[in-house]
N, C-alpha and C. Protein backbone atom coordinates (compact mmCIF):
# COMPACT_ATOMS: atom_id res chain seq x y z
N MET A 1 83.34 27.30 -2.08
CA MET A 1 84.10 26.08 -2.02
C MET A 1 83.76 25.24 -3.25
N PRO A 2 84.76 24.76 -3.98
CA PRO A 2 84.48 23.99 -5.19
C PRO A 2 83.91 22.61 -4.85
N HIS A 3 83.04 22.16 -5.74
CA HIS A 3 82.42 20.85 -5.57
C HIS A 3 83.39 19.77 -6.06
N THR A 4 83.60 18.77 -5.25
CA THR A 4 84.40 17.62 -5.67
C THR A 4 83.56 16.36 -5.56
N ASP A 5 84.04 15.30 -6.14
CA ASP A 5 83.31 14.03 -6.11
C ASP A 5 83.39 13.36 -4.74
N ASN A 6 84.20 13.86 -3.84
CA ASN A 6 84.36 13.22 -2.54
C ASN A 6 83.55 13.88 -1.43
N MET A 7 82.81 14.92 -1.76
CA MET A 7 82.04 15.61 -0.74
C MET A 7 80.81 14.80 -0.35
N PRO A 8 80.55 14.67 0.95
CA PRO A 8 79.31 13.99 1.36
C PRO A 8 78.10 14.86 1.03
N THR A 9 77.08 14.25 0.49
CA THR A 9 75.85 14.96 0.18
C THR A 9 74.67 14.15 0.70
N ALA A 10 73.54 14.79 0.79
CA ALA A 10 72.32 14.09 1.22
C ALA A 10 71.93 13.03 0.19
N ALA A 11 72.15 13.32 -1.08
CA ALA A 11 71.81 12.37 -2.13
C ALA A 11 72.66 11.11 -2.02
N ARG A 12 73.94 11.28 -1.71
CA ARG A 12 74.82 10.12 -1.53
C ARG A 12 74.36 9.29 -0.34
N ALA A 13 74.04 9.94 0.75
CA ALA A 13 73.59 9.21 1.93
C ALA A 13 72.29 8.47 1.65
N MET A 14 71.37 9.12 0.97
CA MET A 14 70.09 8.49 0.66
C MET A 14 70.30 7.31 -0.29
N ALA A 15 71.15 7.48 -1.30
CA ALA A 15 71.41 6.39 -2.24
C ALA A 15 72.07 5.21 -1.52
N ALA A 16 72.99 5.49 -0.61
CA ALA A 16 73.65 4.42 0.14
C ALA A 16 72.66 3.67 1.01
N LEU A 17 71.81 4.40 1.71
CA LEU A 17 70.82 3.74 2.58
C LEU A 17 69.82 2.93 1.77
N MET A 18 69.34 3.49 0.68
CA MET A 18 68.36 2.76 -0.13
C MET A 18 68.99 1.54 -0.81
N MET A 19 70.24 1.65 -1.25
CA MET A 19 70.91 0.51 -1.87
C MET A 19 71.17 -0.59 -0.83
N ALA A 20 71.45 -0.20 0.41
CA ALA A 20 71.63 -1.19 1.48
C ALA A 20 70.32 -1.92 1.76
N VAL A 21 69.22 -1.18 1.79
CA VAL A 21 67.91 -1.80 2.00
C VAL A 21 67.58 -2.73 0.83
N LEU A 22 67.87 -2.30 -0.38
CA LEU A 22 67.66 -3.15 -1.54
C LEU A 22 68.49 -4.42 -1.44
N GLY A 23 69.74 -4.29 -0.99
CA GLY A 23 70.60 -5.45 -0.81
C GLY A 23 70.03 -6.43 0.19
N TRP A 24 69.45 -5.92 1.28
CA TRP A 24 68.86 -6.80 2.30
C TRP A 24 67.67 -7.58 1.74
N PHE A 25 66.73 -6.85 1.12
CA PHE A 25 65.54 -7.52 0.62
C PHE A 25 65.84 -8.44 -0.57
N ALA A 26 66.80 -8.07 -1.41
CA ALA A 26 67.20 -8.97 -2.49
C ALA A 26 67.84 -10.23 -1.92
N SER A 27 68.61 -10.10 -0.85
CA SER A 27 69.19 -11.26 -0.19
C SER A 27 68.11 -12.18 0.35
N GLU A 28 67.07 -11.59 0.90
CA GLU A 28 65.96 -12.40 1.40
C GLU A 28 65.23 -13.10 0.26
N MET A 29 65.19 -12.48 -0.93
CA MET A 29 64.55 -13.12 -2.07
C MET A 29 65.43 -14.23 -2.66
N ILE A 30 66.74 -14.14 -2.46
CA ILE A 30 67.66 -15.14 -3.00
C ILE A 30 67.66 -16.40 -2.15
N ARG A 31 67.44 -16.28 -0.86
CA ARG A 31 67.52 -17.43 0.05
C ARG A 31 66.67 -18.63 -0.41
N PRO A 32 65.40 -18.45 -0.79
CA PRO A 32 64.62 -19.63 -1.22
C PRO A 32 65.09 -20.23 -2.54
N LEU A 33 65.85 -19.47 -3.33
CA LEU A 33 66.32 -19.96 -4.62
C LEU A 33 67.54 -20.87 -4.49
N MET A 34 68.23 -20.79 -3.37
CA MET A 34 69.45 -21.56 -3.15
C MET A 34 69.10 -22.97 -2.66
N PRO A 35 70.05 -23.90 -2.79
CA PRO A 35 69.81 -25.25 -2.27
C PRO A 35 69.49 -25.22 -0.77
N GLU A 36 68.73 -26.20 -0.32
CA GLU A 36 68.22 -26.19 1.04
C GLU A 36 69.31 -26.27 2.11
N ALA A 37 70.41 -26.93 1.81
CA ALA A 37 71.47 -27.12 2.81
C ALA A 37 72.44 -25.93 2.87
N THR A 38 72.15 -24.85 2.18
CA THR A 38 73.06 -23.71 2.12
C THR A 38 73.17 -23.04 3.48
N ASN A 39 74.41 -22.82 3.92
CA ASN A 39 74.67 -22.08 5.15
C ASN A 39 74.94 -20.63 4.75
N PHE A 40 74.02 -19.75 5.09
CA PHE A 40 74.13 -18.36 4.64
C PHE A 40 75.04 -17.50 5.51
N GLY A 41 75.19 -17.82 6.76
CA GLY A 41 76.07 -17.05 7.63
C GLY A 41 75.70 -15.58 7.63
N VAL A 42 76.63 -14.73 7.24
CA VAL A 42 76.43 -13.28 7.23
C VAL A 42 76.09 -12.76 5.83
N PHE A 43 75.45 -13.59 5.05
CA PHE A 43 75.10 -13.28 3.66
C PHE A 43 74.40 -11.93 3.54
N ASN A 44 73.34 -11.73 4.31
CA ASN A 44 72.58 -10.48 4.22
C ASN A 44 73.43 -9.28 4.62
N TYR A 45 74.22 -9.43 5.67
CA TYR A 45 75.01 -8.30 6.16
C TYR A 45 76.11 -7.91 5.18
N VAL A 46 76.69 -8.89 4.52
CA VAL A 46 77.70 -8.59 3.50
C VAL A 46 77.06 -7.82 2.35
N ASN A 47 75.87 -8.25 1.93
CA ASN A 47 75.20 -7.56 0.83
C ASN A 47 74.72 -6.16 1.23
N VAL A 48 74.38 -5.97 2.49
CA VAL A 48 74.03 -4.63 2.98
C VAL A 48 75.27 -3.73 2.93
N ALA A 49 76.41 -4.25 3.37
CA ALA A 49 77.65 -3.46 3.33
C ALA A 49 78.02 -3.12 1.89
N LEU A 50 77.87 -4.08 1.00
CA LEU A 50 78.14 -3.81 -0.42
C LEU A 50 77.17 -2.76 -0.96
N GLY A 51 75.91 -2.82 -0.53
CA GLY A 51 74.93 -1.82 -0.94
C GLY A 51 75.30 -0.42 -0.46
N LEU A 52 75.77 -0.32 0.77
CA LEU A 52 76.21 0.98 1.27
C LEU A 52 77.36 1.53 0.44
N ILE A 53 78.33 0.68 0.13
CA ILE A 53 79.50 1.12 -0.64
C ILE A 53 79.09 1.52 -2.05
N VAL A 54 78.32 0.68 -2.71
CA VAL A 54 77.90 0.96 -4.10
C VAL A 54 77.00 2.19 -4.14
N GLY A 55 76.08 2.30 -3.18
CA GLY A 55 75.20 3.46 -3.14
C GLY A 55 75.95 4.76 -2.97
N TRP A 56 76.99 4.74 -2.15
CA TRP A 56 77.77 5.96 -1.91
C TRP A 56 78.71 6.26 -3.06
N ARG A 57 79.48 5.25 -3.49
CA ARG A 57 80.56 5.47 -4.45
C ARG A 57 80.10 5.51 -5.91
N ILE A 58 79.09 4.73 -6.26
CA ILE A 58 78.67 4.63 -7.66
C ILE A 58 77.41 5.47 -7.91
N THR A 59 76.33 5.10 -7.21
CA THR A 59 75.06 5.77 -7.47
C THR A 59 75.09 7.22 -7.00
N GLY A 60 75.48 7.43 -5.74
CA GLY A 60 75.46 8.78 -5.17
C GLY A 60 76.35 9.75 -5.90
N LYS A 61 77.46 9.27 -6.42
CA LYS A 61 78.39 10.14 -7.13
C LYS A 61 77.79 10.68 -8.43
N ASN A 62 76.88 9.92 -9.02
CA ASN A 62 76.32 10.31 -10.32
C ASN A 62 74.96 10.99 -10.22
N LEU A 63 74.53 11.32 -9.02
CA LEU A 63 73.25 12.01 -8.86
C LEU A 63 73.44 13.52 -8.96
N GLY A 64 72.36 14.21 -9.28
CA GLY A 64 72.40 15.67 -9.37
C GLY A 64 72.70 16.19 -10.76
N ARG A 65 72.61 15.34 -11.76
CA ARG A 65 72.93 15.75 -13.13
C ARG A 65 71.74 15.64 -14.06
N GLY A 66 70.54 15.51 -13.50
CA GLY A 66 69.34 15.40 -14.33
C GLY A 66 68.63 14.09 -14.05
N TRP A 67 67.34 14.08 -14.40
CA TRP A 67 66.50 12.94 -14.07
C TRP A 67 66.91 11.68 -14.81
N SER A 68 67.23 11.79 -16.07
CA SER A 68 67.62 10.59 -16.83
C SER A 68 68.95 10.03 -16.32
N ASN A 69 69.87 10.91 -15.95
CA ASN A 69 71.13 10.45 -15.36
C ASN A 69 70.91 9.84 -13.98
N GLY A 70 69.93 10.35 -13.24
CA GLY A 70 69.61 9.78 -11.93
C GLY A 70 69.07 8.37 -12.05
N ILE A 71 68.17 8.16 -13.01
CA ILE A 71 67.64 6.82 -13.25
C ILE A 71 68.76 5.89 -13.70
N SER A 72 69.60 6.39 -14.59
CA SER A 72 70.73 5.60 -15.05
C SER A 72 71.68 5.27 -13.90
N ALA A 73 71.89 6.21 -12.99
CA ALA A 73 72.76 5.96 -11.84
C ALA A 73 72.18 4.88 -10.94
N GLY A 74 70.87 4.89 -10.75
CA GLY A 74 70.23 3.86 -9.94
C GLY A 74 70.37 2.48 -10.55
N LEU A 75 70.13 2.38 -11.85
CA LEU A 75 70.26 1.09 -12.54
C LEU A 75 71.71 0.62 -12.59
N THR A 76 72.64 1.55 -12.79
CA THR A 76 74.06 1.21 -12.78
C THR A 76 74.48 0.71 -11.41
N GLY A 77 73.98 1.36 -10.36
CA GLY A 77 74.30 0.92 -9.01
C GLY A 77 73.80 -0.48 -8.72
N VAL A 78 72.59 -0.80 -9.19
CA VAL A 78 72.05 -2.14 -8.98
C VAL A 78 72.90 -3.17 -9.74
N ALA A 79 73.28 -2.86 -10.97
CA ALA A 79 74.12 -3.77 -11.74
C ALA A 79 75.47 -3.99 -11.04
N CYS A 80 76.05 -2.91 -10.52
CA CYS A 80 77.31 -3.03 -9.79
C CYS A 80 77.14 -3.83 -8.51
N LEU A 81 76.02 -3.65 -7.84
CA LEU A 81 75.75 -4.41 -6.61
C LEU A 81 75.66 -5.90 -6.92
N VAL A 82 74.99 -6.26 -8.00
CA VAL A 82 74.86 -7.67 -8.37
C VAL A 82 76.23 -8.26 -8.73
N VAL A 83 77.00 -7.56 -9.55
CA VAL A 83 78.30 -8.07 -9.97
C VAL A 83 79.25 -8.16 -8.78
N LEU A 84 79.29 -7.13 -7.95
CA LEU A 84 80.16 -7.15 -6.78
C LEU A 84 79.71 -8.22 -5.79
N GLY A 85 78.41 -8.37 -5.61
CA GLY A 85 77.90 -9.42 -4.73
C GLY A 85 78.27 -10.80 -5.23
N LEU A 86 78.14 -11.03 -6.54
CA LEU A 86 78.55 -12.32 -7.11
C LEU A 86 80.03 -12.56 -6.88
N PHE A 87 80.85 -11.53 -7.07
CA PHE A 87 82.29 -11.67 -6.87
C PHE A 87 82.62 -12.02 -5.42
N VAL A 88 82.07 -11.26 -4.49
CA VAL A 88 82.40 -11.48 -3.07
C VAL A 88 81.89 -12.83 -2.59
N GLN A 89 80.66 -13.18 -2.95
CA GLN A 89 80.10 -14.45 -2.48
C GLN A 89 80.82 -15.65 -3.12
N SER A 90 81.18 -15.55 -4.39
CA SER A 90 81.91 -16.66 -5.02
C SER A 90 83.34 -16.74 -4.49
N LEU A 91 83.95 -15.61 -4.17
CA LEU A 91 85.28 -15.62 -3.55
C LEU A 91 85.21 -16.31 -2.18
N ASN A 92 84.18 -16.01 -1.42
CA ASN A 92 84.00 -16.63 -0.11
C ASN A 92 83.84 -18.15 -0.25
N LYS A 93 83.02 -18.57 -1.20
CA LYS A 93 82.81 -20.00 -1.44
C LYS A 93 84.10 -20.67 -1.90
N MET A 94 84.84 -20.01 -2.79
CA MET A 94 86.09 -20.56 -3.27
C MET A 94 87.10 -20.71 -2.15
N LEU A 95 87.18 -19.73 -1.26
CA LEU A 95 88.10 -19.83 -0.13
C LEU A 95 87.73 -20.99 0.78
N GLY A 96 86.43 -21.21 0.99
CA GLY A 96 85.99 -22.35 1.78
C GLY A 96 86.38 -23.66 1.13
N LEU A 97 86.20 -23.75 -0.19
CA LEU A 97 86.60 -24.97 -0.90
C LEU A 97 88.11 -25.16 -0.89
N ALA A 98 88.86 -24.06 -0.98
CA ALA A 98 90.32 -24.14 -0.95
C ALA A 98 90.80 -24.63 0.42
N LEU A 99 90.16 -24.19 1.48
CA LEU A 99 90.54 -24.66 2.81
C LEU A 99 90.23 -26.13 3.00
N ASP A 100 89.28 -26.65 2.23
CA ASP A 100 88.98 -28.08 2.27
C ASP A 100 89.95 -28.88 1.39
N GLY A 101 90.86 -28.21 0.71
CA GLY A 101 91.85 -28.88 -0.12
C GLY A 101 91.33 -29.33 -1.47
N ARG A 102 90.34 -28.64 -2.01
CA ARG A 102 89.74 -29.06 -3.28
C ARG A 102 90.47 -28.52 -4.51
N PHE A 103 91.42 -27.61 -4.31
CA PHE A 103 92.15 -27.03 -5.44
C PHE A 103 93.63 -27.34 -5.29
N GLY A 104 94.27 -27.58 -6.44
CA GLY A 104 95.69 -27.91 -6.43
C GLY A 104 96.61 -26.70 -6.53
N GLY A 105 96.05 -25.55 -6.81
CA GLY A 105 96.88 -24.36 -6.95
C GLY A 105 96.02 -23.12 -7.11
N LEU A 106 96.71 -22.00 -7.31
CA LEU A 106 96.04 -20.71 -7.40
C LEU A 106 95.11 -20.64 -8.62
N MET A 107 95.59 -21.08 -9.77
CA MET A 107 94.78 -20.98 -10.98
C MET A 107 93.55 -21.87 -10.91
N GLU A 108 93.67 -23.03 -10.29
CA GLU A 108 92.50 -23.88 -10.11
C GLU A 108 91.49 -23.19 -9.19
N GLY A 109 91.98 -22.50 -8.18
CA GLY A 109 91.10 -21.76 -7.27
C GLY A 109 90.37 -20.64 -7.98
N ILE A 110 91.09 -19.89 -8.81
CA ILE A 110 90.46 -18.79 -9.55
C ILE A 110 89.45 -19.34 -10.54
N ASN A 111 89.80 -20.44 -11.21
CA ASN A 111 88.86 -21.08 -12.12
C ASN A 111 87.62 -21.56 -11.36
N GLY A 112 87.84 -22.13 -10.19
CA GLY A 112 86.73 -22.57 -9.35
C GLY A 112 85.85 -21.42 -8.92
N MET A 113 86.46 -20.26 -8.67
CA MET A 113 85.68 -19.09 -8.29
C MET A 113 84.76 -18.66 -9.42
N PHE A 114 85.27 -18.69 -10.66
CA PHE A 114 84.43 -18.31 -11.79
C PHE A 114 83.32 -19.34 -12.03
N LEU A 115 83.61 -20.60 -11.78
CA LEU A 115 82.57 -21.61 -11.90
C LEU A 115 81.47 -21.40 -10.87
N VAL A 116 81.87 -21.07 -9.65
CA VAL A 116 80.88 -20.80 -8.59
C VAL A 116 80.08 -19.55 -8.94
N ALA A 117 80.76 -18.51 -9.45
CA ALA A 117 80.06 -17.28 -9.84
C ALA A 117 79.05 -17.56 -10.96
N THR A 118 79.41 -18.42 -11.89
CA THR A 118 78.48 -18.79 -12.96
C THR A 118 77.27 -19.52 -12.41
N GLU A 119 77.54 -20.43 -11.48
CA GLU A 119 76.44 -21.17 -10.84
C GLU A 119 75.52 -20.22 -10.08
N TYR A 120 76.10 -19.32 -9.29
CA TYR A 120 75.30 -18.35 -8.54
C TYR A 120 74.55 -17.42 -9.48
N GLY A 121 75.20 -17.01 -10.57
CA GLY A 121 74.56 -16.11 -11.53
C GLY A 121 73.35 -16.76 -12.19
N SER A 122 73.44 -18.05 -12.45
CA SER A 122 72.29 -18.73 -13.05
C SER A 122 71.13 -18.83 -12.06
N ILE A 123 71.44 -18.90 -10.79
CA ILE A 123 70.39 -18.91 -9.76
C ILE A 123 69.68 -17.55 -9.71
N LEU A 124 70.43 -16.49 -9.99
CA LEU A 124 69.86 -15.14 -9.94
C LEU A 124 68.94 -14.83 -11.12
N LEU A 125 68.90 -15.70 -12.11
CA LEU A 125 68.03 -15.48 -13.27
C LEU A 125 66.60 -15.88 -12.93
N ASP A 126 66.02 -15.15 -12.01
CA ASP A 126 64.67 -15.37 -11.52
C ASP A 126 63.86 -14.12 -11.82
N GLY A 127 62.72 -14.28 -12.48
CA GLY A 127 61.91 -13.14 -12.92
C GLY A 127 61.55 -12.16 -11.82
N PRO A 128 60.96 -12.62 -10.71
CA PRO A 128 60.61 -11.67 -9.65
C PRO A 128 61.83 -10.95 -9.06
N LEU A 129 62.95 -11.66 -8.93
CA LEU A 129 64.16 -11.03 -8.39
C LEU A 129 64.68 -9.96 -9.35
N ILE A 130 64.71 -10.27 -10.63
CA ILE A 130 65.18 -9.29 -11.61
C ILE A 130 64.25 -8.09 -11.65
N GLY A 131 62.94 -8.33 -11.62
CA GLY A 131 61.98 -7.22 -11.59
C GLY A 131 62.15 -6.36 -10.36
N PHE A 132 62.36 -7.01 -9.21
CA PHE A 132 62.57 -6.26 -7.97
C PHE A 132 63.81 -5.40 -8.05
N LEU A 133 64.90 -5.97 -8.58
CA LEU A 133 66.15 -5.21 -8.67
C LEU A 133 66.03 -4.04 -9.65
N VAL A 134 65.38 -4.26 -10.78
CA VAL A 134 65.22 -3.17 -11.76
C VAL A 134 64.32 -2.07 -11.19
N ALA A 135 63.19 -2.48 -10.58
CA ALA A 135 62.30 -1.48 -9.97
C ALA A 135 63.01 -0.74 -8.84
N GLY A 136 63.79 -1.47 -8.04
CA GLY A 136 64.55 -0.83 -6.97
C GLY A 136 65.55 0.17 -7.50
N GLY A 137 66.24 -0.18 -8.59
CA GLY A 137 67.19 0.76 -9.19
C GLY A 137 66.52 2.01 -9.71
N LEU A 138 65.34 1.85 -10.32
CA LEU A 138 64.59 3.01 -10.80
C LEU A 138 64.17 3.91 -9.63
N VAL A 139 63.65 3.30 -8.58
CA VAL A 139 63.21 4.08 -7.41
C VAL A 139 64.38 4.79 -6.75
N ILE A 140 65.50 4.08 -6.60
CA ILE A 140 66.68 4.69 -5.99
C ILE A 140 67.16 5.87 -6.83
N GLY A 141 67.17 5.70 -8.15
CA GLY A 141 67.60 6.80 -9.02
C GLY A 141 66.70 8.01 -8.93
N VAL A 142 65.38 7.78 -8.94
CA VAL A 142 64.44 8.90 -8.90
C VAL A 142 64.48 9.60 -7.54
N ILE A 143 64.43 8.84 -6.46
CA ILE A 143 64.46 9.46 -5.12
C ILE A 143 65.80 10.13 -4.87
N GLY A 144 66.88 9.49 -5.29
CA GLY A 144 68.20 10.12 -5.13
C GLY A 144 68.32 11.41 -5.89
N GLU A 145 67.79 11.44 -7.09
CA GLU A 145 67.82 12.68 -7.88
C GLU A 145 66.94 13.75 -7.25
N TRP A 146 65.79 13.36 -6.73
CA TRP A 146 64.92 14.32 -6.05
C TRP A 146 65.64 14.91 -4.84
N VAL A 147 66.30 14.05 -4.06
CA VAL A 147 67.04 14.53 -2.88
C VAL A 147 68.16 15.46 -3.31
N SER A 148 68.83 15.16 -4.41
CA SER A 148 69.93 16.02 -4.84
C SER A 148 69.42 17.39 -5.26
N HIS A 149 68.21 17.47 -5.83
CA HIS A 149 67.65 18.77 -6.20
C HIS A 149 67.09 19.49 -4.99
N ARG A 150 66.55 18.74 -4.06
CA ARG A 150 65.90 19.33 -2.89
C ARG A 150 66.90 19.90 -1.90
N TRP A 151 68.02 19.18 -1.66
CA TRP A 151 68.96 19.59 -0.62
C TRP A 151 70.34 19.90 -1.16
N SER A 152 70.42 20.54 -2.30
CA SER A 152 71.74 20.91 -2.78
C SER A 152 71.90 22.41 -2.83
């Protein structure tokens, strides 16, 4: 049977689970960095879901091609998780502001979303958080590559 990019593999499952765990713990590290009155709601769960998707679709797809590619896949997955998380969380904030009537139209809402994403991105420029995410990406890449060699 020919190998396709859509086949479930143990490496994909492991990358998805590890990226979800990374998303949870990174979310917990972000909470103290945010303003005190922030209502987080399902913040952690959204980031876990994004971690599952990114781990399966981005990181897991690129595993099994060598150790350096595995490390690169882990770091790429973490970068995608951060960008996608910023997009989803800023979209959520923008929709809340739009429901409060703070925007006069669609373009103002989109501009507001980018302003919120910039604000959130500046909050993420925290040394321990960045170190945790980079180390997590390296670990995910190495373990995912090991799993791809072990169970393929």
